[in-house]
Structure formats: structure tokens, C-alpha cells
């Protein structure tokens, strides 16, 4: 019996699902400073000390919080997720796409690969829809206070998570498994069954990886800002869409067409390998 076809929708988060950097909604305002000031400080740390930009902002979040005696617990970060605002249609997108996939006989899995804070994402209303979220995360001491970066997901390390999804090795501690050889027919989510949705240049490595592997890359943009047309012109993405996930929108239409396309092709792919296995058994 053929295994059920899985289609993976993989998202960046900031400027892709939510309208700006997730820290801008409530974390930075709680410091009583402007977002621009915070990010300028983070960029200065990066340039002065040759830091990874993500380590710089994570360090600055802790230092600015400590300086103001503000909570830096996981619970506090989770609560910040409640203030995150999403693009039109995002709130009902996941259920709608899942139901459409079910009507076509396929299973839809949603993933996030983000350079934002995992703890903030966990506090959002849409967190429950994701099979796995890969994002920057803190390590906490015995009192529940954030003390050190536990994981950092920058634009190049993002690609490893595509392979984790591909092989079904979702636990980041299982490095041996993700690097081990696996037959294509045994991989639960072929790259051809992936749809990568993101907004900009920091996602180019993942866009290129998915697109070159036969999957689909979609660049989204805020209707009030200039779209990243160059990503499309340079062949980095397959489609360029406004970040409107409402039913009947361009990205909704494309997503459903992709499900229509992948479902029968993946079934034929699996039937082919079943036939090969049968022939080998007979020999």
C-alpha cells in the first residue's frame, strides 16, 4: 500500500506571515525605545565586534531587558506572541489549505524556518498549526531566566532544516540521522513536495535549494512596500505574490493548484518505486 502523500508548506515568519519583525510589536516598545534604535544598536554590535547579526540581537534583547529589570523568562517571551499581527487571511489559511489537501487525498504539514524568536512564535495564535518551528531560541537557567542562545537560525543554516523535513529527522539533536544516506523513496517529504514561502534575500539559499530540487519557491511582499522583483527576475523564485493569504487571493490560488499538481505526481512516483521493489523481489 502506498504511503499517504505529504506536502510541506514551509514559511519564514517576519515579513512573510506577520507584518514586521516580531520583536517590534511589544518587546521593543516594552523597553521604551523605538524599533529603529534597537536595530541600530544590534547592527553596531555586529559591525564593531564582527558578531553574527542574530547573536547580536539576541544578546541585546537580554542586556536591554536586564538594564530595565524586565522579565526575560520563557513565559514572558511567549506572552509577547499575543501582540503579533498577521497579514490578511493568515489566521484561517492553515485550516483552509489543510482541508483542501484532504479533499485531494493528501496530508499538508506546515513548518516555520525563521531567524526570529521561537518563544515569541510559540505564543502566537497560529503556532498550533505548525508541525515544527525552527527559530532562534534561548537556554534558561534553573530559575527560568534566559541566559544563553540555545539555537541560532541564520540565512545559511536555514538550509539544514529543509533536509530535516525531507528525511523526517525533525529533532535538531539527531545530526547523525540527518547526515546519513537515505533512499529517495524512503524520504517522507520529497523536495518536489515542498512549497517554500518567504519575503527576501535572507531566504535565497532555501529558495534556491527547494526550487533546484523540483519544489516551489514563492516570494511574498507587503502591498505597501516595493516587491522583491529581482528575486523573480534572477530565477530565485517561481512566483511573486502579495502577502494576502485570503481565500481567492493569488497565493491561495497558486497553493491549491500546486496541491492539484503534486498529489497525482507523487502517487505515480510511489507506484513506480513499488513496482521496482516487486521486480527486485522476484529476482
C-alpha atoms as a PDB file:
ATOM      1  CA  UNK A   1       0.000   0.000   0.000  1.00  0.00           C
ATOM      2  CA  UNK A   2       1.350   3.410  -0.903  1.00  0.00           C
ATOM      3  CA  UNK A   3       2.018   5.820   1.934  1.00  0.00           C
ATOM      4  CA  UNK A   4      -0.108   8.924   2.102  1.00  0.00           C
ATOM      5  CA  UNK A   5       1.338  11.833   0.153  1.00  0.00           C
ATOM      6  CA  UNK A   6       2.683  14.633   2.356  1.00  0.00           C
ATOM      7  CA  UNK A   7       3.055  18.177   1.049  1.00  0.00           C
ATOM      8  CA  UNK A   8       5.144  20.553   3.167  1.00  0.00           C
ATOM      9  CA  UNK A   9       4.421  24.272   3.242  1.00  0.00           C
ATOM     10  CA  UNK A  10       7.479  25.936   4.769  1.00  0.00           C
ATOM     11  CA  UNK A  11       7.438  29.576   5.881  1.00  0.00           C
ATOM     12  CA  UNK A  12       9.723  32.300   7.002  1.00  0.00           C
ATOM     13  CA  UNK A  13       7.863  34.299   9.670  1.00  0.00           C
ATOM     14  CA  UNK A  14       8.761  38.003   9.893  1.00  0.00           C
ATOM     15  CA  UNK A  15       7.507  39.981   6.875  1.00  0.00           C
ATOM     16  CA  UNK A  16       6.107  36.712   5.498  1.00  0.00           C
ATOM     17  CA  UNK A  17       3.291  35.759   7.860  1.00  0.00           C
ATOM     18  CA  UNK A  18       3.481  38.712  10.249  1.00  0.00           C
ATOM     19  CA  UNK A  19       3.760  42.302   9.085  1.00  0.00           C
ATOM     20  CA  UNK A  20       7.135  43.299  10.590  1.00  0.00           C
ATOM     21  CA  UNK A  21       9.897  41.947  12.849  1.00  0.00           C
ATOM     22  CA  UNK A  22       8.168  40.105  15.692  1.00  0.00           C
ATOM     23  CA  UNK A  23      10.172  41.990  18.332  1.00  0.00           C
ATOM     24  CA  UNK A  24       8.707  45.290  17.105  1.00  0.00           C
ATOM     25  CA  UNK A  25       5.166  44.567  18.282  1.00  0.00           C
ATOM     26  CA  UNK A  26       5.630  44.503  22.044  1.00  0.00           C
ATOM     27  CA  UNK A  27       9.161  43.553  23.120  1.00  0.00           C
ATOM     28  CA  UNK A  28      10.961  46.669  21.888  1.00  0.00           C
ATOM     29  CA  UNK A  29       8.120  49.028  22.952  1.00  0.00           C
ATOM     30  CA  UNK A  30       8.375  47.498  26.464  1.00  0.00           C
ATOM     31  CA  UNK A  31      11.946  48.847  26.568  1.00  0.00           C
ATOM     32  CA  UNK A  32      10.581  52.321  25.871  1.00  0.00           C
ATOM     33  CA  UNK A  33      12.709  52.740  22.773  1.00  0.00           C
ATOM     34  CA  UNK A  34      11.916  52.853  19.066  1.00  0.00           C
ATOM     35  CA  UNK A  35      12.463  49.745  16.919  1.00  0.00           C
ATOM     36  CA  UNK A  36      14.911  51.660  14.741  1.00  0.00           C
ATOM     37  CA  UNK A  37      17.054  52.479  17.760  1.00  0.00           C
ATOM     38  CA  UNK A  38      17.134  48.860  18.909  1.00  0.00           C
ATOM     39  CA  UNK A  39      18.094  47.501  15.491  1.00  0.00           C
ATOM     40  CA  UNK A  40      20.720  50.232  15.033  1.00  0.00           C
ATOM     41  CA  UNK A  41      22.326  49.086  18.288  1.00  0.00           C
ATOM     42  CA  UNK A  42      22.206  45.476  17.156  1.00  0.00           C
ATOM     43  CA  UNK A  43      23.799  46.371  13.815  1.00  0.00           C
ATOM     44  CA  UNK A  44      26.502  48.356  15.605  1.00  0.00           C
ATOM     45  CA  UNK A  45      27.334  45.313  17.755  1.00  0.00           C
ATOM     46  CA  UNK A  46      27.553  43.225  14.605  1.00  0.00           C
ATOM     47  CA  UNK A  47      29.961  45.600  12.880  1.00  0.00           C
ATOM     48  CA  UNK A  48      32.062  46.528  15.920  1.00  0.00           C
ATOM     49  CA  UNK A  49      32.641  43.025  17.226  1.00  0.00           C
ATOM     50  CA  UNK A  50      32.161  41.065  13.985  1.00  0.00           C
ATOM     51  CA  UNK A  51      29.257  39.207  15.555  1.00  0.00           C
ATOM     52  CA  UNK A  52      26.680  37.061  13.857  1.00  0.00           C
ATOM     53  CA  UNK A  53      23.772  39.520  13.436  1.00  0.00           C
ATOM     54  CA  UNK A  54      21.367  37.118  15.112  1.00  0.00           C
ATOM     55  CA  UNK A  55      23.607  36.565  18.114  1.00  0.00           C
ATOM     56  CA  UNK A  56      23.924  40.343  18.343  1.00  0.00           C
ATOM     57  CA  UNK A  57      20.186  40.943  18.541  1.00  0.00           C
ATOM     58  CA  UNK A  58      19.662  38.043  20.976  1.00  0.00           C
ATOM     59  CA  UNK A  59      22.405  39.399  23.220  1.00  0.00           C
ATOM     60  CA  UNK A  60      20.939  42.898  23.038  1.00  0.00           C
ATOM     61  CA  UNK A  61      17.456  41.637  23.956  1.00  0.00           C
ATOM     62  CA  UNK A  62      18.860  40.188  27.175  1.00  0.00           C
ATOM     63  CA  UNK A  63      21.042  43.171  28.024  1.00  0.00           C
ATOM     64  CA  UNK A  64      18.342  45.772  27.418  1.00  0.00           C
ATOM     65  CA  UNK A  65      15.855  43.730  29.461  1.00  0.00           C
ATOM     66  CA  UNK A  66      18.257  43.319  32.368  1.00  0.00           C
ATOM     67  CA  UNK A  67      19.062  47.023  32.359  1.00  0.00           C
ATOM     68  CA  UNK A  68      15.378  47.773  32.918  1.00  0.00           C
ATOM     69  CA  UNK A  69      14.696  44.892  35.345  1.00  0.00           C
ATOM     70  CA  UNK A  70      12.169  43.437  32.934  1.00  0.00           C
ATOM     71  CA  UNK A  71      11.236  39.731  32.852  1.00  0.00           C
ATOM     72  CA  UNK A  72      13.321  37.606  30.499  1.00  0.00           C
ATOM     73  CA  UNK A  73      11.622  34.278  31.150  1.00  0.00           C
ATOM     74  CA  UNK A  74      10.237  31.911  28.537  1.00  0.00           C
ATOM     75  CA  UNK A  75       6.731  32.678  29.790  1.00  0.00           C
ATOM     76  CA  UNK A  76       7.323  36.392  29.227  1.00  0.00           C
ATOM     77  CA  UNK A  77       8.567  35.801  25.685  1.00  0.00           C
ATOM     78  CA  UNK A  78       5.566  33.567  24.956  1.00  0.00           C
ATOM     79  CA  UNK A  79       3.187  36.350  26.043  1.00  0.00           C
ATOM     80  CA  UNK A  80       4.830  38.686  23.542  1.00  0.00           C
ATOM     81  CA  UNK A  81       3.482  36.462  20.789  1.00  0.00           C
ATOM     82  CA  UNK A  82      -0.056  37.556  21.579  1.00  0.00           C
ATOM     83  CA  UNK A  83       0.662  41.005  20.121  1.00  0.00           C
ATOM     84  CA  UNK A  84       1.935  39.752  16.757  1.00  0.00           C
ATOM     85  CA  UNK A  85      -0.165  40.972  13.819  1.00  0.00           C
ATOM     86  CA  UNK A  86      -0.570  38.945  10.659  1.00  0.00           C
ATOM     87  CA  UNK A  87      -1.183  39.659   7.002  1.00  0.00           C
ATOM     88  CA  UNK A  88      -4.747  39.282   5.692  1.00  0.00           C
ATOM     89  CA  UNK A  89      -6.010  35.705   5.578  1.00  0.00           C
ATOM     90  CA  UNK A  90      -3.217  34.164   7.672  1.00  0.00           C
ATOM     91  CA  UNK A  91      -5.481  33.255  10.591  1.00  0.00           C
ATOM     92  CA  UNK A  92      -7.639  30.891   8.538  1.00  0.00           C
ATOM     93  CA  UNK A  93      -5.060  29.973   5.871  1.00  0.00           C
ATOM     94  CA  UNK A  94      -3.755  26.808   7.544  1.00  0.00           C
ATOM     95  CA  UNK A  95      -7.124  25.217   8.190  1.00  0.00           C
ATOM     96  CA  UNK A  96      -8.273  26.123   4.681  1.00  0.00           C
ATOM     97  CA  UNK A  97      -5.190  24.649   2.982  1.00  0.00           C
ATOM     98  CA  UNK A  98      -5.345  21.543   5.180  1.00  0.00           C
ATOM     99  CA  UNK A  99      -8.965  20.951   4.203  1.00  0.00           C
ATOM    100  CA  UNK A 100      -8.187  21.453   0.525  1.00  0.00           C
ATOM    101  CA  UNK A 101      -5.322  18.963   0.767  1.00  0.00           C
ATOM    102  CA  UNK A 102      -7.593  16.447   2.473  1.00  0.00           C
ATOM    103  CA  UNK A 103     -10.136  16.822  -0.329  1.00  0.00           C
ATOM    104  CA  UNK A 104      -7.372  15.829  -2.762  1.00  0.00           C
ATOM    105  CA  UNK A 105      -6.233  12.850  -0.693  1.00  0.00           C
ATOM    106  CA  UNK A 106      -3.000  14.411   0.604  1.00  0.00           C
ATOM    107  CA  UNK A 107      -1.742  15.447   4.021  1.00  0.00           C
ATOM    108  CA  UNK A 108      -0.475  19.004   4.496  1.00  0.00           C
ATOM    109  CA  UNK A 109       2.280  19.757   7.000  1.00  0.00           C
ATOM    110  CA  UNK A 110       3.247  23.328   7.896  1.00  0.00           C
ATOM    111  CA  UNK A 111       6.727  24.322   9.102  1.00  0.00           C
ATOM    112  CA  UNK A 112       8.489  27.538  10.103  1.00  0.00           C
ATOM    113  CA  UNK A 113      12.174  28.256   9.490  1.00  0.00           C
ATOM    114  CA  UNK A 114      12.782  31.704  10.979  1.00  0.00           C
ATOM    115  CA  UNK A 115      15.560  33.913  12.274  1.00  0.00           C
ATOM    116  CA  UNK A 116      13.108  35.335  14.817  1.00  0.00           C
ATOM    117  CA  UNK A 117      12.466  34.128  18.366  1.00  0.00           C
ATOM    118  CA  UNK A 118      10.907  30.694  18.715  1.00  0.00           C
ATOM    119  CA  UNK A 119       9.482  31.621  22.115  1.00  0.00           C
ATOM    120  CA  UNK A 120       7.522  34.525  20.614  1.00  0.00           C
ATOM    121  CA  UNK A 121       6.211  32.333  17.793  1.00  0.00           C
ATOM    122  CA  UNK A 122       5.057  29.800  20.399  1.00  0.00           C
ATOM    123  CA  UNK A 123       2.838  32.477  21.913  1.00  0.00           C
ATOM    124  CA  UNK A 124       1.042  33.340  18.672  1.00  0.00           C
ATOM    125  CA  UNK A 125      -2.450  32.208  17.733  1.00  0.00           C
ATOM    126  CA  UNK A 126      -1.147  30.244  14.722  1.00  0.00           C
ATOM    127  CA  UNK A 127       1.566  28.235  16.489  1.00  0.00           C
ATOM    128  CA  UNK A 128      -0.767  25.245  16.881  1.00  0.00           C
ATOM    129  CA  UNK A 129      -0.831  24.711  13.117  1.00  0.00           C
ATOM    130  CA  UNK A 130       2.895  24.032  12.726  1.00  0.00           C
ATOM    131  CA  UNK A 131       4.337  20.538  12.804  1.00  0.00           C
ATOM    132  CA  UNK A 132       7.708  22.033  13.730  1.00  0.00           C
ATOM    133  CA  UNK A 133       9.144  25.510  14.279  1.00  0.00           C
ATOM    134  CA  UNK A 134      12.856  26.130  13.756  1.00  0.00           C
ATOM    135  CA  UNK A 135      13.923  29.542  15.043  1.00  0.00           C
ATOM    136  CA  UNK A 136      16.364  31.280  17.376  1.00  0.00           C
ATOM    137  CA  UNK A 137      15.892  30.104  20.937  1.00  0.00           C
ATOM    138  CA  UNK A 138      17.305  30.785  24.413  1.00  0.00           C
ATOM    139  CA  UNK A 139      18.640  28.442  27.069  1.00  0.00           C
ATOM    140  CA  UNK A 140      17.132  29.035  30.515  1.00  0.00           C
ATOM    141  CA  UNK A 141      18.661  28.649  33.993  1.00  0.00           C
ATOM    142  CA  UNK A 142      17.083  26.854  36.960  1.00  0.00           C
ATOM    143  CA  UNK A 143      15.023  29.965  37.723  1.00  0.00           C
ATOM    144  CA  UNK A 144      13.584  30.056  34.218  1.00  0.00           C
ATOM    145  CA  UNK A 145      15.615  33.068  33.079  1.00  0.00           C
ATOM    146  CA  UNK A 146      17.140  33.270  29.604  1.00  0.00           C
ATOM    147  CA  UNK A 147      20.922  33.200  29.847  1.00  0.00           C
ATOM    148  CA  UNK A 148      22.372  31.994  26.533  1.00  0.00           C
ATOM    149  CA  UNK A 149      21.384  31.357  22.894  1.00  0.00           C
ATOM    150  CA  UNK A 150      20.318  27.725  22.562  1.00  0.00           C
ATOM    151  CA  UNK A 151      19.977  27.811  18.801  1.00  0.00           C
ATOM    152  CA  UNK A 152      20.529  30.375  16.070  1.00  0.00           C
ATOM    153  CA  UNK A 153      18.902  30.055  12.660  1.00  0.00           C
ATOM    154  CA  UNK A 154      20.610  32.327  10.154  1.00  0.00           C
ATOM    155  CA  UNK A 155      20.152  32.515   6.393  1.00  0.00           C
ATOM    156  CA  UNK A 156      22.693  29.784   5.589  1.00  0.00           C
ATOM    157  CA  UNK A 157      21.920  27.372   8.447  1.00  0.00           C
ATOM    158  CA  UNK A 158      18.271  27.520   7.401  1.00  0.00           C
ATOM    159  CA  UNK A 159      19.011  25.033   4.628  1.00  0.00           C
ATOM    160  CA  UNK A 160      19.740  22.160   7.045  1.00  0.00           C
ATOM    161  CA  UNK A 161      16.113  22.228   8.143  1.00  0.00           C
ATOM    162  CA  UNK A 162      14.945  21.603   4.586  1.00  0.00           C
ATOM    163  CA  UNK A 163      16.883  18.332   4.711  1.00  0.00           C
ATOM    164  CA  UNK A 164      15.483  17.517   8.154  1.00  0.00           C
ATOM    165  CA  UNK A 165      11.947  17.913   6.834  1.00  0.00           C
ATOM    166  CA  UNK A 166      12.875  15.944   3.718  1.00  0.00           C
ATOM    167  CA  UNK A 167      14.155  12.989   5.778  1.00  0.00           C
ATOM    168  CA  UNK A 168      11.709  13.301   8.676  1.00  0.00           C
ATOM    169  CA  UNK A 169      14.559  13.903  11.142  1.00  0.00           C
ATOM    170  CA  UNK A 170      12.995  16.830  12.981  1.00  0.00           C
ATOM    171  CA  UNK A 171      14.960  16.628  16.237  1.00  0.00           C
ATOM    172  CA  UNK A 172      17.920  19.032  15.970  1.00  0.00           C
ATOM    173  CA  UNK A 173      19.990  16.794  18.252  1.00  0.00           C
ATOM    174  CA  UNK A 174      19.906  13.955  15.724  1.00  0.00           C
ATOM    175  CA  UNK A 175      22.757  15.049  13.492  1.00  0.00           C
ATOM    176  CA  UNK A 176      23.887  11.557  12.541  1.00  0.00           C
ATOM    177  CA  UNK A 177      20.471  10.680  11.151  1.00  0.00           C
ATOM    178  CA  UNK A 178      20.093  13.830   9.089  1.00  0.00           C
ATOM    179  CA  UNK A 179      23.527  13.281   7.525  1.00  0.00           C
ATOM    180  CA  UNK A 180      23.033   9.561   6.947  1.00  0.00           C
ATOM    181  CA  UNK A 181      22.295   8.251   3.469  1.00  0.00           C
ATOM    182  CA  UNK A 182      18.631   7.558   2.743  1.00  0.00           C
ATOM    183  CA  UNK A 183      16.969   6.272  -0.407  1.00  0.00           C
ATOM    184  CA  UNK A 184      14.823   8.879  -2.117  1.00  0.00           C
ATOM    185  CA  UNK A 185      11.774   6.650  -1.957  1.00  0.00           C
ATOM    186  CA  UNK A 186      12.148   6.401   1.838  1.00  0.00           C
ATOM    187  CA  UNK A 187      12.162  10.146   2.425  1.00  0.00           C
ATOM    188  CA  UNK A 188       8.745  11.138   3.830  1.00  0.00           C
ATOM    189  CA  UNK A 189       8.680  14.578   2.208  1.00  0.00           C
ATOM    190  CA  UNK A 190      10.436  14.775  -1.193  1.00  0.00           C
ATOM    191  CA  UNK A 191      11.720  18.241  -2.022  1.00  0.00           C
ATOM    192  CA  UNK A 192       9.393  18.120  -5.024  1.00  0.00           C
ATOM    193  CA  UNK A 193       6.560  18.186  -2.483  1.00  0.00           C
ATOM    194  CA  UNK A 194       7.795  21.360  -0.768  1.00  0.00           C
ATOM    195  CA  UNK A 195       6.442  24.886  -1.110  1.00  0.00           C
ATOM    196  CA  UNK A 196       8.764  27.490   0.423  1.00  0.00           C
ATOM    197  CA  UNK A 197       7.189  30.888   1.180  1.00  0.00           C
ATOM    198  CA  UNK A 198       9.343  33.833   2.267  1.00  0.00           C
ATOM    199  CA  UNK A 199       9.919  37.520   1.700  1.00  0.00           C
ATOM    200  CA  UNK A 200      13.509  38.364   0.932  1.00  0.00           C
ATOM    201  CA  UNK A 201      17.202  37.885   0.287  1.00  0.00           C
ATOM    202  CA  UNK A 202      17.948  36.109   3.579  1.00  0.00           C
ATOM    203  CA  UNK A 203      15.825  33.227   2.313  1.00  0.00           C
ATOM    204  CA  UNK A 204      17.591  32.853  -1.032  1.00  0.00           C
ATOM    205  CA  UNK A 205      19.613  29.736  -0.033  1.00  0.00           C
ATOM    206  CA  UNK A 206      16.409  27.898   0.948  1.00  0.00           C
ATOM    207  CA  UNK A 207      14.531  29.208  -2.077  1.00  0.00           C
ATOM    208  CA  UNK A 208      17.290  28.008  -4.377  1.00  0.00           C
ATOM    209  CA  UNK A 209      17.548  24.619  -2.662  1.00  0.00           C
ATOM    210  CA  UNK A 210      13.814  23.944  -2.870  1.00  0.00           C
ATOM    211  CA  UNK A 211      13.481  25.262  -6.418  1.00  0.00           C
ATOM    212  CA  UNK A 212      16.503  23.324  -7.722  1.00  0.00           C
ATOM    213  CA  UNK A 213      15.133  20.164  -6.090  1.00  0.00           C
ATOM    214  CA  UNK A 214      11.892  20.413  -8.027  1.00  0.00           C
ATOM    215  CA  UNK A 215       9.859  22.131  -5.324  1.00  0.00           C
ATOM    216  CA  UNK A 216       8.292  25.579  -5.485  1.00  0.00           C
ATOM    217  CA  UNK A 217       9.559  28.877  -4.064  1.00  0.00           C
ATOM    218  CA  UNK A 218       7.200  31.813  -3.575  1.00  0.00           C
ATOM    219  CA  UNK A 219       8.292  35.333  -2.609  1.00  0.00           C
ATOM    220  CA  UNK A 220       5.677  37.447  -0.825  1.00  0.00           C
ATOM    221  CA  UNK A 221       5.603  41.196  -0.291  1.00  0.00           C
ATOM    222  CA  UNK A 222       3.707  43.783   1.719  1.00  0.00           C
ATOM    223  CA  UNK A 223       1.368  45.691  -0.608  1.00  0.00           C
ATOM    224  CA  UNK A 224       2.635  48.950   0.924  1.00  0.00           C
ATOM    225  CA  UNK A 225       6.243  48.175   0.068  1.00  0.00           C
ATOM    226  CA  UNK A 226       8.216  47.522  -3.068  1.00  0.00           C
ATOM    227  CA  UNK A 227       8.172  43.829  -4.062  1.00  0.00           C
ATOM    228  CA  UNK A 228      11.442  41.921  -4.401  1.00  0.00           C
ATOM    229  CA  UNK A 229      11.091  41.718  -8.176  1.00  0.00           C
ATOM    230  CA  UNK A 230      14.774  40.874  -8.579  1.00  0.00           C
ATOM    231  CA  UNK A 231      14.207  37.516  -6.873  1.00  0.00           C
ATOM    232  CA  UNK A 232      11.832  36.608  -9.689  1.00  0.00           C
ATOM    233  CA  UNK A 233      13.945  38.178 -12.434  1.00  0.00           C
ATOM    234  CA  UNK A 234      17.013  36.263 -11.240  1.00  0.00           C
ATOM    235  CA  UNK A 235      15.096  32.988 -11.218  1.00  0.00           C
ATOM    236  CA  UNK A 236      15.361  32.561  -7.456  1.00  0.00           C
ATOM    237  CA  UNK A 237      11.602  32.069  -7.052  1.00  0.00           C
ATOM    238  CA  UNK A 238       8.776  30.661  -9.133  1.00  0.00           C
ATOM    239  CA  UNK A 239       6.108  33.182  -8.127  1.00  0.00           C
ATOM    240  CA  UNK A 240       5.832  36.651  -6.637  1.00  0.00           C
ATOM    241  CA  UNK A 241       2.687  37.340  -4.600  1.00  0.00           C
ATOM    242  CA  UNK A 242       1.251  39.991  -2.348  1.00  0.00           C
ATOM    243  CA  UNK A 243       1.221  38.778   1.271  1.00  0.00           C
ATOM    244  CA  UNK A 244      -2.540  38.330   1.243  1.00  0.00           C
ATOM    245  CA  UNK A 245      -3.484  34.799   2.246  1.00  0.00           C
ATOM    246  CA  UNK A 246      -7.241  35.325   1.977  1.00  0.00           C
ATOM    247  CA  UNK A 247      -9.389  32.833   0.136  1.00  0.00           C
ATOM    248  CA  UNK A 248      -9.324  33.619  -3.584  1.00  0.00           C
ATOM    249  CA  UNK A 249      -6.062  35.596  -3.356  1.00  0.00           C
ATOM    250  CA  UNK A 250      -3.204  34.886  -5.770  1.00  0.00           C
ATOM    251  CA  UNK A 251      -1.188  32.849  -3.278  1.00  0.00           C
ATOM    252  CA  UNK A 252      -4.289  30.893  -2.240  1.00  0.00           C
ATOM    253  CA  UNK A 253      -4.971  30.084  -5.894  1.00  0.00           C
ATOM    254  CA  UNK A 254      -1.362  29.038  -6.533  1.00  0.00           C
ATOM    255  CA  UNK A 255      -1.189  26.902  -3.377  1.00  0.00           C
ATOM    256  CA  UNK A 256      -4.284  24.949  -4.404  1.00  0.00           C
ATOM    257  CA  UNK A 257      -3.009  24.477  -7.958  1.00  0.00           C
ATOM    258  CA  UNK A 258       0.256  23.133  -6.549  1.00  0.00           C
ATOM    259  CA  UNK A 259      -1.652  20.653  -4.404  1.00  0.00           C
ATOM    260  CA  UNK A 260      -3.605  19.621  -7.506  1.00  0.00           C
ATOM    261  CA  UNK A 261      -0.321  19.075  -9.334  1.00  0.00           C
ATOM    262  CA  UNK A 262       1.686  17.333  -6.604  1.00  0.00           C
ATOM    263  CA  UNK A 263      -0.986  14.877  -5.447  1.00  0.00           C
ATOM    264  CA  UNK A 264      -1.157  12.689  -8.602  1.00  0.00           C
ATOM    265  CA  UNK A 265       2.540  13.085  -9.463  1.00  0.00           C
ATOM    266  CA  UNK A 266       3.610  11.893  -6.034  1.00  0.00           C
ATOM    267  CA  UNK A 267       1.261   8.918  -6.254  1.00  0.00           C
ATOM    268  CA  UNK A 268       2.785   7.925  -9.606  1.00  0.00           C
ATOM    269  CA  UNK A 269       6.288   8.361  -8.140  1.00  0.00           C
ATOM    270  CA  UNK A 270       5.486   5.986  -5.276  1.00  0.00           C
ATOM    271  CA  UNK A 271       3.833   3.452  -7.535  1.00  0.00           C
ATOM    272  CA  UNK A 272       6.972   3.422  -9.658  1.00  0.00           C
ATOM    273  CA  UNK A 273       9.152   2.529  -6.668  1.00  0.00           C
ATOM    274  CA  UNK A 274       6.670  -0.128  -5.541  1.00  0.00           C
ATOM    275  CA  UNK A 275       6.952  -1.700  -8.989  1.00  0.00           C
ATOM    276  CA  UNK A 276      10.762  -1.613  -8.780  1.00  0.00           C
ATOM    277  CA  UNK A 277      10.667  -3.300  -5.362  1.00  0.00           C
ATOM    278  CA  UNK A 278       8.361  -6.034  -6.649  1.00  0.00           C
ATOM    279  CA  UNK A 279      10.652  -6.731  -9.588  1.00  0.00           C
ATOM    280  CA  UNK A 280      13.670  -6.954  -7.282  1.00  0.00           C
ATOM    281  CA  UNK A 281      11.851  -9.421  -5.022  1.00  0.00           C
ATOM    282  CA  UNK A 282      11.017 -11.623  -7.981  1.00  0.00           C
ATOM    283  CA  UNK A 283      14.690 -11.753  -8.947  1.00  0.00           C
END
